[in-house]
């Protein structure tokens, strides 16, 4: 029986393997990057031009009495956004209209998660209306909404009817914002790591350690 040849590790590692693990790292790393970025900015991020990008889900997940809630029950960091120019990514909810263009709608971080996974909470909704002269298209899926946010607790028929309000300047289909710097770092770094590993194993093979 012929002995099985031991293939050096430097020869078992190839570019295709590195590309595979690189793509896998990006698939796992991108959601982690988004989560860490949101945590670091606590749901509010300055994006220039006088605008702040707000995380709709972070704005929604706090306890709020749907009947007796007051403005003081809203976390202070969200109250401080009153009157601010903001950008928010979410989904449009407009149950009473099938028109292409709308002058009002509700914005939520996810229709399926906030509206069909238990009783919806009023703080999950941003009540939006078109700013003067704005033409808003009713778009499916994720959208990117720009406008002026207002924090105001309103009541109707004995319960809270609104917490967040926005005068909307524009609505557009949301596109994935790709963190190019981390991606380029991985794509450039992997070949370098590959070459270094091969060089180290090559030196080890050509210069074996001296016997004691």
C-alpha atoms as a PDB file:
ATOM      1  CA  UNK A   1       0.000   0.000   0.000  1.00  0.00           C
ATOM      2  CA  UNK A   2       1.505   3.275  -1.082  1.00  0.00           C
ATOM      3  CA  UNK A   3       1.764   5.944   1.605  1.00  0.00           C
ATOM      4  CA  UNK A   4      -0.463   8.972   1.139  1.00  0.00           C
ATOM      5  CA  UNK A   5       1.522  12.057   0.233  1.00  0.00           C
ATOM      6  CA  UNK A   6       1.194  14.936   2.643  1.00  0.00           C
ATOM      7  CA  UNK A   7       0.287  18.047   0.668  1.00  0.00           C
ATOM      8  CA  UNK A   8       1.793  21.159   2.258  1.00  0.00           C
ATOM      9  CA  UNK A   9      -0.704  23.629   3.665  1.00  0.00           C
ATOM     10  CA  UNK A  10       0.689  26.352   1.390  1.00  0.00           C
ATOM     11  CA  UNK A  11      -0.419  24.302  -1.634  1.00  0.00           C
ATOM     12  CA  UNK A  12      -3.825  23.489  -0.187  1.00  0.00           C
ATOM     13  CA  UNK A  13      -4.619  27.205   0.126  1.00  0.00           C
ATOM     14  CA  UNK A  14      -5.497  28.771  -3.215  1.00  0.00           C
ATOM     15  CA  UNK A  15      -7.117  31.908  -4.576  1.00  0.00           C
ATOM     16  CA  UNK A  16     -10.514  30.229  -5.081  1.00  0.00           C
ATOM     17  CA  UNK A  17     -10.596  29.177  -1.446  1.00  0.00           C
ATOM     18  CA  UNK A  18      -9.750  32.694  -0.313  1.00  0.00           C
ATOM     19  CA  UNK A  19     -12.426  34.178  -2.593  1.00  0.00           C
ATOM     20  CA  UNK A  20     -14.994  31.746  -1.163  1.00  0.00           C
ATOM     21  CA  UNK A  21     -14.150  32.626   2.432  1.00  0.00           C
ATOM     22  CA  UNK A  22     -13.987  36.314   1.492  1.00  0.00           C
ATOM     23  CA  UNK A  23     -17.530  36.249   0.069  1.00  0.00           C
ATOM     24  CA  UNK A  24     -18.707  34.283   3.100  1.00  0.00           C
ATOM     25  CA  UNK A  25     -17.115  36.840   5.416  1.00  0.00           C
ATOM     26  CA  UNK A  26     -18.857  39.682   3.574  1.00  0.00           C
ATOM     27  CA  UNK A  27     -22.246  37.930   3.742  1.00  0.00           C
ATOM     28  CA  UNK A  28     -21.880  37.524   7.498  1.00  0.00           C
ATOM     29  CA  UNK A  29     -19.973  40.726   8.113  1.00  0.00           C
ATOM     30  CA  UNK A  30     -22.336  43.142   6.331  1.00  0.00           C
ATOM     31  CA  UNK A  31     -25.333  42.586   8.670  1.00  0.00           C
ATOM     32  CA  UNK A  32     -22.941  42.745  11.632  1.00  0.00           C
ATOM     33  CA  UNK A  33     -21.529  46.022  10.273  1.00  0.00           C
ATOM     34  CA  UNK A  34     -25.047  47.500   9.945  1.00  0.00           C
ATOM     35  CA  UNK A  35     -25.938  46.446  13.492  1.00  0.00           C
ATOM     36  CA  UNK A  36     -22.705  47.759  15.016  1.00  0.00           C
ATOM     37  CA  UNK A  37     -23.051  51.036  13.083  1.00  0.00           C
ATOM     38  CA  UNK A  38     -26.595  51.499  14.429  1.00  0.00           C
ATOM     39  CA  UNK A  39     -25.514  50.723  17.995  1.00  0.00           C
ATOM     40  CA  UNK A  40     -22.553  53.103  17.808  1.00  0.00           C
ATOM     41  CA  UNK A  41     -24.740  55.989  16.634  1.00  0.00           C
ATOM     42  CA  UNK A  42     -27.654  55.019  18.927  1.00  0.00           C
ATOM     43  CA  UNK A  43     -30.105  55.231  16.035  1.00  0.00           C
ATOM     44  CA  UNK A  44     -29.222  58.817  15.053  1.00  0.00           C
ATOM     45  CA  UNK A  45     -26.461  59.690  12.584  1.00  0.00           C
ATOM     46  CA  UNK A  46     -25.490  63.015  11.037  1.00  0.00           C
ATOM     47  CA  UNK A  47     -25.244  62.532   7.265  1.00  0.00           C
ATOM     48  CA  UNK A  48     -24.507  66.106   6.196  1.00  0.00           C
ATOM     49  CA  UNK A  49     -26.602  68.755   4.536  1.00  0.00           C
ATOM     50  CA  UNK A  50     -28.390  69.465   7.809  1.00  0.00           C
ATOM     51  CA  UNK A  51     -29.964  65.975   7.846  1.00  0.00           C
ATOM     52  CA  UNK A  52     -29.885  63.241  10.464  1.00  0.00           C
ATOM     53  CA  UNK A  53     -30.506  59.616   9.517  1.00  0.00           C
ATOM     54  CA  UNK A  54     -32.778  57.947  12.066  1.00  0.00           C
ATOM     55  CA  UNK A  55     -33.336  54.257  12.732  1.00  0.00           C
ATOM     56  CA  UNK A  56     -37.111  53.681  12.684  1.00  0.00           C
ATOM     57  CA  UNK A  57     -36.888  50.430  14.596  1.00  0.00           C
ATOM     58  CA  UNK A  58     -34.817  52.028  17.372  1.00  0.00           C
ATOM     59  CA  UNK A  59     -37.386  54.849  17.516  1.00  0.00           C
ATOM     60  CA  UNK A  60     -40.173  52.292  18.018  1.00  0.00           C
ATOM     61  CA  UNK A  61     -38.888  49.889  20.671  1.00  0.00           C
ATOM     62  CA  UNK A  62     -39.761  51.540  23.952  1.00  0.00           C
ATOM     63  CA  UNK A  63     -42.759  50.959  26.239  1.00  0.00           C
ATOM     64  CA  UNK A  64     -45.567  53.428  25.665  1.00  0.00           C
ATOM     65  CA  UNK A  65     -49.065  53.379  27.163  1.00  0.00           C
ATOM     66  CA  UNK A  66     -51.413  53.351  24.161  1.00  0.00           C
ATOM     67  CA  UNK A  67     -54.149  55.058  26.171  1.00  0.00           C
ATOM     68  CA  UNK A  68     -52.499  57.299  28.756  1.00  0.00           C
ATOM     69  CA  UNK A  69     -49.041  57.862  27.253  1.00  0.00           C
ATOM     70  CA  UNK A  70     -47.624  61.390  27.305  1.00  0.00           C
ATOM     71  CA  UNK A  71     -44.743  63.244  25.652  1.00  0.00           C
ATOM     72  CA  UNK A  72     -42.638  62.568  28.762  1.00  0.00           C
ATOM     73  CA  UNK A  73     -42.855  58.811  28.095  1.00  0.00           C
ATOM     74  CA  UNK A  74     -40.915  59.204  24.837  1.00  0.00           C
ATOM     75  CA  UNK A  75     -37.136  58.849  25.361  1.00  0.00           C
ATOM     76  CA  UNK A  76     -35.447  62.245  25.478  1.00  0.00           C
ATOM     77  CA  UNK A  77     -33.142  61.573  22.518  1.00  0.00           C
ATOM     78  CA  UNK A  78     -36.166  61.118  20.257  1.00  0.00           C
ATOM     79  CA  UNK A  79     -37.956  64.153  21.682  1.00  0.00           C
ATOM     80  CA  UNK A  80     -34.895  66.239  20.866  1.00  0.00           C
ATOM     81  CA  UNK A  81     -35.419  65.464  17.167  1.00  0.00           C
ATOM     82  CA  UNK A  82     -38.564  67.614  17.093  1.00  0.00           C
ATOM     83  CA  UNK A  83     -38.253  69.992  14.146  1.00  0.00           C
ATOM     84  CA  UNK A  84     -35.148  68.256  12.758  1.00  0.00           C
ATOM     85  CA  UNK A  85     -34.508  67.437   9.105  1.00  0.00           C
ATOM     86  CA  UNK A  86     -34.307  63.646   8.950  1.00  0.00           C
ATOM     87  CA  UNK A  87     -33.906  60.738   6.579  1.00  0.00           C
ATOM     88  CA  UNK A  88     -35.664  57.479   7.467  1.00  0.00           C
ATOM     89  CA  UNK A  89     -35.712  54.106   5.728  1.00  0.00           C
ATOM     90  CA  UNK A  90     -38.817  51.951   6.015  1.00  0.00           C
ATOM     91  CA  UNK A  91     -42.024  50.856   4.303  1.00  0.00           C
ATOM     92  CA  UNK A  92     -45.055  52.903   3.308  1.00  0.00           C
ATOM     93  CA  UNK A  93     -48.448  51.887   4.724  1.00  0.00           C
ATOM     94  CA  UNK A  94     -51.420  53.370   2.902  1.00  0.00           C
ATOM     95  CA  UNK A  95     -54.446  51.120   3.327  1.00  0.00           C
ATOM     96  CA  UNK A  96     -57.119  53.452   1.953  1.00  0.00           C
ATOM     97  CA  UNK A  97     -55.675  54.377  -1.435  1.00  0.00           C
ATOM     98  CA  UNK A  98     -54.592  52.577  -4.591  1.00  0.00           C
ATOM     99  CA  UNK A  99     -53.478  55.753  -6.369  1.00  0.00           C
ATOM    100  CA  UNK A 100     -49.963  56.116  -7.726  1.00  0.00           C
ATOM    101  CA  UNK A 101     -49.388  59.354  -5.832  1.00  0.00           C
ATOM    102  CA  UNK A 102     -50.445  60.053  -2.252  1.00  0.00           C
ATOM    103  CA  UNK A 103     -50.472  63.107  -0.035  1.00  0.00           C
ATOM    104  CA  UNK A 104     -50.275  61.164   3.229  1.00  0.00           C
ATOM    105  CA  UNK A 105     -49.171  57.735   4.465  1.00  0.00           C
ATOM    106  CA  UNK A 106     -47.718  55.978   7.482  1.00  0.00           C
ATOM    107  CA  UNK A 107     -44.045  55.000   7.547  1.00  0.00           C
ATOM    108  CA  UNK A 108     -42.977  51.890   9.504  1.00  0.00           C
ATOM    109  CA  UNK A 109     -39.682  50.042   9.807  1.00  0.00           C
ATOM    110  CA  UNK A 110     -41.356  46.799   8.650  1.00  0.00           C
ATOM    111  CA  UNK A 111     -45.026  46.176   7.849  1.00  0.00           C
ATOM    112  CA  UNK A 112     -44.812  42.443   8.558  1.00  0.00           C
ATOM    113  CA  UNK A 113     -42.927  42.807  11.835  1.00  0.00           C
ATOM    114  CA  UNK A 114     -44.810  45.713  13.374  1.00  0.00           C
ATOM    115  CA  UNK A 115     -48.299  45.254  11.920  1.00  0.00           C
ATOM    116  CA  UNK A 116     -48.855  41.498  11.691  1.00  0.00           C
ATOM    117  CA  UNK A 117     -46.831  40.085  14.604  1.00  0.00           C
ATOM    118  CA  UNK A 118     -49.082  41.296  17.409  1.00  0.00           C
ATOM    119  CA  UNK A 119     -51.072  44.433  18.171  1.00  0.00           C
ATOM    120  CA  UNK A 120     -49.350  47.381  16.444  1.00  0.00           C
ATOM    121  CA  UNK A 121     -48.081  50.118  18.740  1.00  0.00           C
ATOM    122  CA  UNK A 122     -48.668  53.770  17.893  1.00  0.00           C
ATOM    123  CA  UNK A 123     -44.958  54.561  18.298  1.00  0.00           C
ATOM    124  CA  UNK A 124     -44.233  52.185  15.393  1.00  0.00           C
ATOM    125  CA  UNK A 125     -45.812  54.626  12.950  1.00  0.00           C
ATOM    126  CA  UNK A 126     -44.592  57.924  11.553  1.00  0.00           C
ATOM    127  CA  UNK A 127     -47.617  59.796  10.213  1.00  0.00           C
ATOM    128  CA  UNK A 128     -46.404  61.438   7.015  1.00  0.00           C
ATOM    129  CA  UNK A 129     -47.917  64.168   4.901  1.00  0.00           C
ATOM    130  CA  UNK A 130     -46.578  65.871   1.791  1.00  0.00           C
ATOM    131  CA  UNK A 131     -44.817  69.182   2.203  1.00  0.00           C
ATOM    132  CA  UNK A 132     -46.121  72.078   0.131  1.00  0.00           C
ATOM    133  CA  UNK A 133     -45.465  71.319  -3.533  1.00  0.00           C
ATOM    134  CA  UNK A 134     -44.113  67.788  -2.907  1.00  0.00           C
ATOM    135  CA  UNK A 135     -45.398  64.937  -5.091  1.00  0.00           C
ATOM    136  CA  UNK A 136     -45.063  61.593  -3.317  1.00  0.00           C
ATOM    137  CA  UNK A 137     -45.222  58.309  -5.207  1.00  0.00           C
ATOM    138  CA  UNK A 138     -46.627  55.286  -3.374  1.00  0.00           C
ATOM    139  CA  UNK A 139     -43.717  52.820  -3.629  1.00  0.00           C
ATOM    140  CA  UNK A 140     -43.554  49.168  -2.567  1.00  0.00           C
ATOM    141  CA  UNK A 141     -40.798  47.686  -0.447  1.00  0.00           C
ATOM    142  CA  UNK A 142     -38.151  49.727   1.311  1.00  0.00           C
ATOM    143  CA  UNK A 143     -38.211  53.475   0.726  1.00  0.00           C
ATOM    144  CA  UNK A 144     -36.041  56.403   1.774  1.00  0.00           C
ATOM    145  CA  UNK A 145     -38.033  59.338   3.113  1.00  0.00           C
ATOM    146  CA  UNK A 146     -36.713  62.871   3.656  1.00  0.00           C
ATOM    147  CA  UNK A 147     -38.527  65.540   5.604  1.00  0.00           C
ATOM    148  CA  UNK A 148     -39.016  67.397   8.871  1.00  0.00           C
ATOM    149  CA  UNK A 149     -39.844  65.293  11.918  1.00  0.00           C
ATOM    150  CA  UNK A 150     -42.252  66.435  14.625  1.00  0.00           C
ATOM    151  CA  UNK A 151     -42.757  64.804  18.011  1.00  0.00           C
ATOM    152  CA  UNK A 152     -46.293  65.373  19.273  1.00  0.00           C
ATOM    153  CA  UNK A 153     -48.672  63.125  21.230  1.00  0.00           C
ATOM    154  CA  UNK A 154     -52.215  63.419  19.908  1.00  0.00           C
ATOM    155  CA  UNK A 155     -55.406  61.724  21.080  1.00  0.00           C
ATOM    156  CA  UNK A 156     -58.582  60.537  19.470  1.00  0.00           C
ATOM    157  CA  UNK A 157     -61.543  58.755  21.077  1.00  0.00           C
ATOM    158  CA  UNK A 158     -59.804  58.298  24.407  1.00  0.00           C
ATOM    159  CA  UNK A 159     -56.497  56.854  23.191  1.00  0.00           C
ATOM    160  CA  UNK A 160     -53.228  58.036  21.672  1.00  0.00           C
ATOM    161  CA  UNK A 161     -53.536  58.511  17.905  1.00  0.00           C
ATOM    162  CA  UNK A 162     -50.049  59.740  17.064  1.00  0.00           C
ATOM    163  CA  UNK A 163     -46.518  60.237  18.374  1.00  0.00           C
ATOM    164  CA  UNK A 164     -44.310  60.835  15.333  1.00  0.00           C
ATOM    165  CA  UNK A 165     -45.223  63.123  12.429  1.00  0.00           C
ATOM    166  CA  UNK A 166     -43.293  64.140   9.342  1.00  0.00           C
ATOM    167  CA  UNK A 167     -43.639  66.790   6.664  1.00  0.00           C
ATOM    168  CA  UNK A 168     -42.219  64.855   3.720  1.00  0.00           C
ATOM    169  CA  UNK A 169     -40.150  66.487   0.993  1.00  0.00           C
ATOM    170  CA  UNK A 170     -39.325  63.346  -1.022  1.00  0.00           C
ATOM    171  CA  UNK A 171     -39.789  59.592  -1.201  1.00  0.00           C
ATOM    172  CA  UNK A 172     -37.548  57.342  -3.254  1.00  0.00           C
ATOM    173  CA  UNK A 173     -36.893  53.628  -3.536  1.00  0.00           C
ATOM    174  CA  UNK A 174     -34.286  52.623  -1.012  1.00  0.00           C
ATOM    175  CA  UNK A 175     -31.059  51.095  -2.247  1.00  0.00           C
ATOM    176  CA  UNK A 176     -28.590  49.137  -0.179  1.00  0.00           C
ATOM    177  CA  UNK A 177     -25.787  51.353   1.082  1.00  0.00           C
ATOM    178  CA  UNK A 178     -22.660  49.277   0.612  1.00  0.00           C
ATOM    179  CA  UNK A 179     -19.762  49.894   3.027  1.00  0.00           C
ATOM    180  CA  UNK A 180     -17.083  49.983   0.345  1.00  0.00           C
ATOM    181  CA  UNK A 181     -14.137  50.666   2.667  1.00  0.00           C
ATOM    182  CA  UNK A 182     -14.512  47.420   4.696  1.00  0.00           C
ATOM    183  CA  UNK A 183     -15.214  45.465   1.499  1.00  0.00           C
ATOM    184  CA  UNK A 184     -12.154  46.828  -0.274  1.00  0.00           C
ATOM    185  CA  UNK A 185     -10.120  46.139   2.858  1.00  0.00           C
ATOM    186  CA  UNK A 186     -11.139  42.479   2.723  1.00  0.00           C
ATOM    187  CA  UNK A 187     -10.623  42.145  -1.049  1.00  0.00           C
ATOM    188  CA  UNK A 188      -7.182  43.747  -0.904  1.00  0.00           C
ATOM    189  CA  UNK A 189      -6.140  42.111   2.339  1.00  0.00           C
ATOM    190  CA  UNK A 190      -6.963  38.496   1.407  1.00  0.00           C
ATOM    191  CA  UNK A 191      -4.457  38.217  -1.483  1.00  0.00           C
ATOM    192  CA  UNK A 192      -1.784  39.809   0.696  1.00  0.00           C
ATOM    193  CA  UNK A 193      -2.473  37.327   3.506  1.00  0.00           C
ATOM    194  CA  UNK A 194      -2.419  34.510   0.946  1.00  0.00           C
ATOM    195  CA  UNK A 195       0.991  35.573  -0.389  1.00  0.00           C
ATOM    196  CA  UNK A 196       2.444  35.969   3.101  1.00  0.00           C
ATOM    197  CA  UNK A 197       1.236  32.507   4.161  1.00  0.00           C
ATOM    198  CA  UNK A 198       2.669  30.911   1.036  1.00  0.00           C
ATOM    199  CA  UNK A 199       5.964  32.692   1.550  1.00  0.00           C
ATOM    200  CA  UNK A 200       6.212  31.590   5.175  1.00  0.00           C
ATOM    201  CA  UNK A 201       5.499  27.945   4.357  1.00  0.00           C
ATOM    202  CA  UNK A 202       7.888  28.088   1.416  1.00  0.00           C
ATOM    203  CA  UNK A 203      10.683  29.340   3.686  1.00  0.00           C
ATOM    204  CA  UNK A 204       9.836  26.657   6.221  1.00  0.00           C
ATOM    205  CA  UNK A 205      10.138  23.950   3.563  1.00  0.00           C
ATOM    206  CA  UNK A 206      13.440  25.228   2.150  1.00  0.00           C
ATOM    207  CA  UNK A 207      14.933  25.879   5.591  1.00  0.00           C
ATOM    208  CA  UNK A 208      13.778  23.043   7.878  1.00  0.00           C
ATOM    209  CA  UNK A 209      14.526  23.476  11.593  1.00  0.00           C
ATOM    210  CA  UNK A 210      17.824  21.979  12.762  1.00  0.00           C
ATOM    211  CA  UNK A 211      17.584  18.759  14.723  1.00  0.00           C
ATOM    212  CA  UNK A 212      18.323  19.112  18.441  1.00  0.00           C
END
